[in-house]
Amino acid sequence: MEAAVDQAIAACDGDMRSAIRTLIVANDYLESEVSKLMEAVCHAYVRGRFQTYSG
């Protein structure tokens, strides 16, 4: 985890505020993508495109 933190800061030329801002923007984008995927899976499940696993 520490290495990932160091990489994020280094990618922003050592500017921690810029690194945090960049990570917040990336996180917002990923949350949006997850939301879209969850909605698509939900619609596909309702339409019978997915079968439930019975083990």
PDB file of N, CA and C in Angstrom:
ATOM      1  N   MET A   1       0.832  -1.191   0.000  1.00  0.00           N
ATOM      2  CA  MET A   1       0.000   0.000   0.000  1.00  0.00           C
ATOM      3  C   MET A   1       0.872   1.248   0.000  1.00  0.00           C
ATOM      4  N   GLU A   2       1.939   1.240   0.785  1.00  0.00           N
ATOM      5  CA  GLU A   2       2.824   2.401   0.830  1.00  0.00           C
ATOM      6  C   GLU A   2       3.446   2.688  -0.534  1.00  0.00           C
ATOM      7  N   ALA A   3       3.790   1.628  -1.264  1.00  0.00           N
ATOM      8  CA  ALA A   3       4.375   1.811  -2.591  1.00  0.00           C
ATOM      9  C   ALA A   3       3.370   2.460  -3.530  1.00  0.00           C
ATOM     10  N   ALA A   4       2.102   2.077  -3.431  1.00  0.00           N
ATOM     11  CA  ALA A   4       1.056   2.665  -4.271  1.00  0.00           C
ATOM     12  C   ALA A   4       0.871   4.145  -3.938  1.00  0.00           C
ATOM     13  N   VAL A   5       0.950   4.476  -2.662  1.00  0.00           N
ATOM     14  CA  VAL A   5       0.849   5.876  -2.237  1.00  0.00           C
ATOM     15  C   VAL A   5       2.010   6.675  -2.824  1.00  0.00           C
ATOM     16  N   ASP A   6       3.200   6.127  -2.692  1.00  0.00           N
ATOM     17  CA  ASP A   6       4.391   6.798  -3.230  1.00  0.00           C
ATOM     18  C   ASP A   6       4.282   6.992  -4.741  1.00  0.00           C
ATOM     19  N   GLN A   7       3.752   6.000  -5.430  1.00  0.00           N
ATOM     20  CA  GLN A   7       3.600   6.099  -6.888  1.00  0.00           C
ATOM     21  C   GLN A   7       2.590   7.181  -7.262  1.00  0.00           C
ATOM     22  N   ALA A   8       1.493   7.254  -6.522  1.00  0.00           N
ATOM     23  CA  ALA A   8       0.476   8.270  -6.807  1.00  0.00           C
ATOM     24  C   ALA A   8       1.041   9.668  -6.614  1.00  0.00           C
ATOM     25  N   ILE A   9       1.804   9.860  -5.547  1.00  0.00           N
ATOM     26  CA  ILE A   9       2.411  11.169  -5.292  1.00  0.00           C
ATOM     27  C   ILE A   9       3.463  11.479  -6.353  1.00  0.00           C
ATOM     28  N   ALA A  10       4.277  10.498  -6.695  1.00  0.00           N
ATOM     29  CA  ALA A  10       5.318  10.702  -7.704  1.00  0.00           C
ATOM     30  C   ALA A  10       4.710  11.036  -9.068  1.00  0.00           C
ATOM     31  N   ALA A  11       3.574  10.421  -9.387  1.00  0.00           N
ATOM     32  CA  ALA A  11       2.914  10.686 -10.670  1.00  0.00           C
ATOM     33  C   ALA A  11       2.441  12.132 -10.770  1.00  0.00           C
ATOM     34  N   CYS A  12       2.264  12.767  -9.623  1.00  0.00           N
ATOM     35  CA  CYS A  12       1.831  14.172  -9.590  1.00  0.00           C
ATOM     36  C   CYS A  12       2.994  15.087  -9.200  1.00  0.00           C
ATOM     37  N   ASP A  13       4.199  14.652  -9.520  1.00  0.00           N
ATOM     38  CA  ASP A  13       5.417  15.449  -9.265  1.00  0.00           C
ATOM     39  C   ASP A  13       5.564  15.868  -7.804  1.00  0.00           C
ATOM     40  N   GLY A  14       5.154  14.991  -6.884  1.00  0.00           N
ATOM     41  CA  GLY A  14       5.325  15.257  -5.468  1.00  0.00           C
ATOM     42  C   GLY A  14       4.259  16.142  -4.847  1.00  0.00           C
ATOM     43  N   ASP A  15       3.304  16.587  -5.623  1.00  0.00           N
ATOM     44  CA  ASP A  15       2.238  17.455  -5.115  1.00  0.00           C
ATOM     45  C   ASP A  15       1.126  16.580  -4.531  1.00  0.00           C
ATOM     46  N   MET A  16       1.064  16.539  -3.200  1.00  0.00           N
ATOM     47  CA  MET A  16       0.091  15.663  -2.537  1.00  0.00           C
ATOM     48  C   MET A  16      -1.347  16.094  -2.784  1.00  0.00           C
ATOM     49  N   ARG A  17      -1.590  17.396  -2.825  1.00  0.00           N
ATOM     50  CA  ARG A  17      -2.959  17.869  -3.095  1.00  0.00           C
ATOM     51  C   ARG A  17      -3.403  17.446  -4.482  1.00  0.00           C
ATOM     52  N   SER A  18      -2.513  17.533  -5.434  1.00  0.00           N
ATOM     53  CA  SER A  18      -2.829  17.111  -6.798  1.00  0.00           C
ATOM     54  C   SER A  18      -3.072  15.601  -6.851  1.00  0.00           C
ATOM     55  N   ALA A  19      -2.289  14.840  -6.101  1.00  0.00           N
ATOM     56  CA  ALA A  19      -2.466  13.386  -6.063  1.00  0.00           C
ATOM     57  C   ALA A  19      -3.823  13.028  -5.467  1.00  0.00           C
ATOM     58  N   ILE A  20      -4.195  13.706  -4.392  1.00  0.00           N
ATOM     59  CA  ILE A  20      -5.493  13.441  -3.763  1.00  0.00           C
ATOM     60  C   ILE A  20      -6.620  13.814  -4.719  1.00  0.00           C
ATOM     61  N   ARG A  21      -6.496  14.964  -5.370  1.00  0.00           N
ATOM     62  CA  ARG A  21      -7.517  15.411  -6.323  1.00  0.00           C
ATOM     63  C   ARG A  21      -7.679  14.385  -7.447  1.00  0.00           C
ATOM     64  N   THR A  22      -6.556  13.926  -7.974  1.00  0.00           N
ATOM     65  CA  THR A  22      -6.579  12.937  -9.052  1.00  0.00           C
ATOM     66  C   THR A  22      -7.238  11.645  -8.605  1.00  0.00           C
ATOM     67  N   LEU A  23      -6.925  11.198  -7.402  1.00  0.00           N
ATOM     68  CA  LEU A  23      -7.518   9.960  -6.890  1.00  0.00           C
ATOM     69  C   LEU A  23      -9.021  10.109  -6.643  1.00  0.00           C
ATOM     70  N   ILE A  24      -9.447  11.275  -6.208  1.00  0.00           N
ATOM     71  CA  ILE A  24     -10.880  11.511  -6.005  1.00  0.00           C
ATOM     72  C   ILE A  24     -11.614  11.468  -7.343  1.00  0.00           C
ATOM     73  N   VAL A  25     -11.038  12.100  -8.355  1.00  0.00           N
ATOM     74  CA  VAL A  25     -11.655  12.086  -9.680  1.00  0.00           C
ATOM     75  C   VAL A  25     -11.725  10.657 -10.216  1.00  0.00           C
ATOM     76  N   ALA A  26     -10.632   9.905 -10.067  1.00  0.00           N
ATOM     77  CA  ALA A  26     -10.617   8.514 -10.534  1.00  0.00           C
ATOM     78  C   ALA A  26     -11.639   7.681  -9.782  1.00  0.00           C
ATOM     79  N   ASN A  27     -11.756   7.891  -8.488  1.00  0.00           N
ATOM     80  CA  ASN A  27     -12.717   7.142  -7.683  1.00  0.00           C
ATOM     81  C   ASN A  27     -14.153   7.458  -8.115  1.00  0.00           C
ATOM     82  N   ASP A  28     -14.444   8.726  -8.352  1.00  0.00           N
ATOM     83  CA  ASP A  28     -15.787   9.103  -8.821  1.00  0.00           C
ATOM     84  C   ASP A  28     -16.115   8.419 -10.142  1.00  0.00           C
ATOM     85  N   TYR A  29     -15.135   8.392 -11.046  1.00  0.00           N
ATOM     86  CA  TYR A  29     -15.341   7.736 -12.340  1.00  0.00           C
ATOM     87  C   TYR A  29     -15.625   6.247 -12.145  1.00  0.00           C
ATOM     88  N   LEU A  30     -14.836   5.586 -11.307  1.00  0.00           N
ATOM     89  CA  LEU A  30     -15.027   4.150 -11.088  1.00  0.00           C
ATOM     90  C   LEU A  30     -16.366   3.859 -10.415  1.00  0.00           C
ATOM     91  N   GLU A  31     -16.774   4.704  -9.467  1.00  0.00           N
ATOM     92  CA  GLU A  31     -18.085   4.515  -8.833  1.00  0.00           C
ATOM     93  C   GLU A  31     -19.203   4.638  -9.864  1.00  0.00           C
ATOM     94  N   SER A  32     -19.059   5.570 -10.783  1.00  0.00           N
ATOM     95  CA  SER A  32     -20.048   5.744 -11.840  1.00  0.00           C
ATOM     96  C   SER A  32     -20.112   4.507 -12.729  1.00  0.00           C
ATOM     97  N   GLU A  33     -18.952   3.966 -13.088  1.00  0.00           N
ATOM     98  CA  GLU A  33     -18.906   2.764 -13.921  1.00  0.00           C
ATOM     99  C   GLU A  33     -19.532   1.565 -13.205  1.00  0.00           C
ATOM    100  N   VAL A  34     -19.257   1.409 -11.921  1.00  0.00           N
ATOM    101  CA  VAL A  34     -19.844   0.313 -11.152  1.00  0.00           C
ATOM    102  C   VAL A  34     -21.360   0.448 -11.109  1.00  0.00           C
ATOM    103  N   SER A  35     -21.833   1.668 -10.927  1.00  0.00           N
ATOM    104  CA  SER A  35     -23.274   1.907 -10.888  1.00  0.00           C
ATOM    105  C   SER A  35     -23.931   1.518 -12.214  1.00  0.00           C
ATOM    106  N   LYS A  36     -23.301   1.897 -13.324  1.00  0.00           N
ATOM    107  CA  LYS A  36     -23.835   1.547 -14.643  1.00  0.00           C
ATOM    108  C   LYS A  36     -23.844   0.036 -14.852  1.00  0.00           C
ATOM    109  N   LEU A  37     -22.790  -0.630 -14.431  1.00  0.00           N
ATOM    110  CA  LEU A  37     -22.720  -2.081 -14.594  1.00  0.00           C
ATOM    111  C   LEU A  37     -23.760  -2.787 -13.724  1.00  0.00           C
ATOM    112  N   MET A  38     -23.944  -2.302 -12.499  1.00  0.00           N
ATOM    113  CA  MET A  38     -24.950  -2.904 -11.622  1.00  0.00           C
ATOM    114  C   MET A  38     -26.346  -2.755 -12.211  1.00  0.00           C
ATOM    115  N   GLU A  39     -26.612  -1.606 -12.796  1.00  0.00           N
ATOM    116  CA  GLU A  39     -27.915  -1.377 -13.420  1.00  0.00           C
ATOM    117  C   GLU A  39     -28.109  -2.301 -14.621  1.00  0.00           C
ATOM    118  N   ALA A  40     -27.075  -2.467 -15.418  1.00  0.00           N
ATOM    119  CA  ALA A  40     -27.170  -3.343 -16.587  1.00  0.00           C
ATOM    120  C   ALA A  40     -27.389  -4.787 -16.172  1.00  0.00           C
ATOM    121  N   VAL A  41     -26.685  -5.229 -15.152  1.00  0.00           N
ATOM    122  CA  VAL A  41     -26.855  -6.606 -14.674  1.00  0.00           C
ATOM    123  C   VAL A  41     -28.250  -6.784 -14.102  1.00  0.00           C
ATOM    124  N   CYS A  42     -28.732  -5.804 -13.375  1.00  0.00           N
ATOM    125  CA  CYS A  42     -30.069  -5.884 -12.795  1.00  0.00           C
ATOM    126  C   CYS A  42     -31.117  -6.026 -13.895  1.00  0.00           C
ATOM    127  N   HIS A  43     -31.009  -5.210 -14.948  1.00  0.00           N
ATOM    128  CA  HIS A  43     -31.974  -5.287 -16.052  1.00  0.00           C
ATOM    129  C   HIS A  43     -31.880  -6.645 -16.756  1.00  0.00           C
ATOM    130  N   ALA A  44     -30.675  -7.131 -16.952  1.00  0.00           N
ATOM    131  CA  ALA A  44     -30.506  -8.425 -17.616  1.00  0.00           C
ATOM    132  C   ALA A  44     -31.087  -9.543 -16.753  1.00  0.00           C
ATOM    133  N   TYR A  45     -30.914  -9.467 -15.445  1.00  0.00           N
ATOM    134  CA  TYR A  45     -31.450 -10.484 -14.545  1.00  0.00           C
ATOM    135  C   TYR A  45     -32.972 -10.471 -14.584  1.00  0.00           C
ATOM    136  N   VAL A  46     -33.562  -9.293 -14.546  1.00  0.00           N
ATOM    137  CA  VAL A  46     -35.019  -9.157 -14.563  1.00  0.00           C
ATOM    138  C   VAL A  46     -35.583  -9.713 -15.874  1.00  0.00           C
ATOM    139  N   ARG A  47     -34.861  -9.528 -16.954  1.00  0.00           N
ATOM    140  CA  ARG A  47     -35.321 -10.023 -18.250  1.00  0.00           C
ATOM    141  C   ARG A  47     -35.042 -11.503 -18.458  1.00  0.00           C
ATOM    142  N   GLY A  48     -34.473 -12.159 -17.471  1.00  0.00           N
ATOM    143  CA  GLY A  48     -34.237 -13.602 -17.559  1.00  0.00           C
ATOM    144  C   GLY A  48     -32.990 -13.990 -18.291  1.00  0.00           C
ATOM    145  N   ARG A  49     -32.057 -13.076 -18.454  1.00  0.00           N
ATOM    146  CA  ARG A  49     -30.831 -13.384 -19.171  1.00  0.00           C
ATOM    147  C   ARG A  49     -29.809 -14.095 -18.300  1.00  0.00           C
ATOM    148  N   PHE A  50     -30.018 -14.080 -16.996  1.00  0.00           N
ATOM    149  CA  PHE A  50     -29.117 -14.776 -16.079  1.00  0.00           C
ATOM    150  C   PHE A  50     -29.920 -15.854 -15.363  1.00  0.00           C
ATOM    151  N   GLN A  51     -29.299 -16.996 -15.209  1.00  0.00           N
ATOM    152  CA  GLN A  51     -29.911 -18.081 -14.456  1.00  0.00           C
ATOM    153  C   GLN A  51     -29.339 -18.073 -13.044  1.00  0.00           C
ATOM    154  N   THR A  52     -30.172 -18.368 -12.061  1.00  0.00           N
ATOM    155  CA  THR A  52     -29.654 -18.462 -10.711  1.00  0.00           C
ATOM    156  C   THR A  52     -28.874 -19.749 -10.552  1.00  0.00           C
ATOM    157  N   TYR A  53     -27.866 -19.710  -9.746  1.00  0.00           N
ATOM    158  CA  TYR A  53     -27.017 -20.882  -9.516  1.00  0.00           C
ATOM    159  C   TYR A  53     -27.639 -21.723  -8.418  1.00  0.00           C
ATOM    160  N   SER A  54     -27.873 -23.002  -8.718  1.00  0.00           N
ATOM    161  CA  SER A  54     -28.527 -23.873  -7.729  1.00  0.00           C
ATOM    162  C   SER A  54     -27.544 -24.771  -7.017  1.00  0.00           C
ATOM    163  N   GLY A  55     -26.267 -24.676  -7.335  1.00  0.00           N
ATOM    164  CA  GLY A  55     -25.236 -25.420  -6.610  1.00  0.00           C
ATOM    165  C   GLY A  55     -25.071 -26.750  -7.167  1.00  0.00           C
TER     166      GLY A  55
END
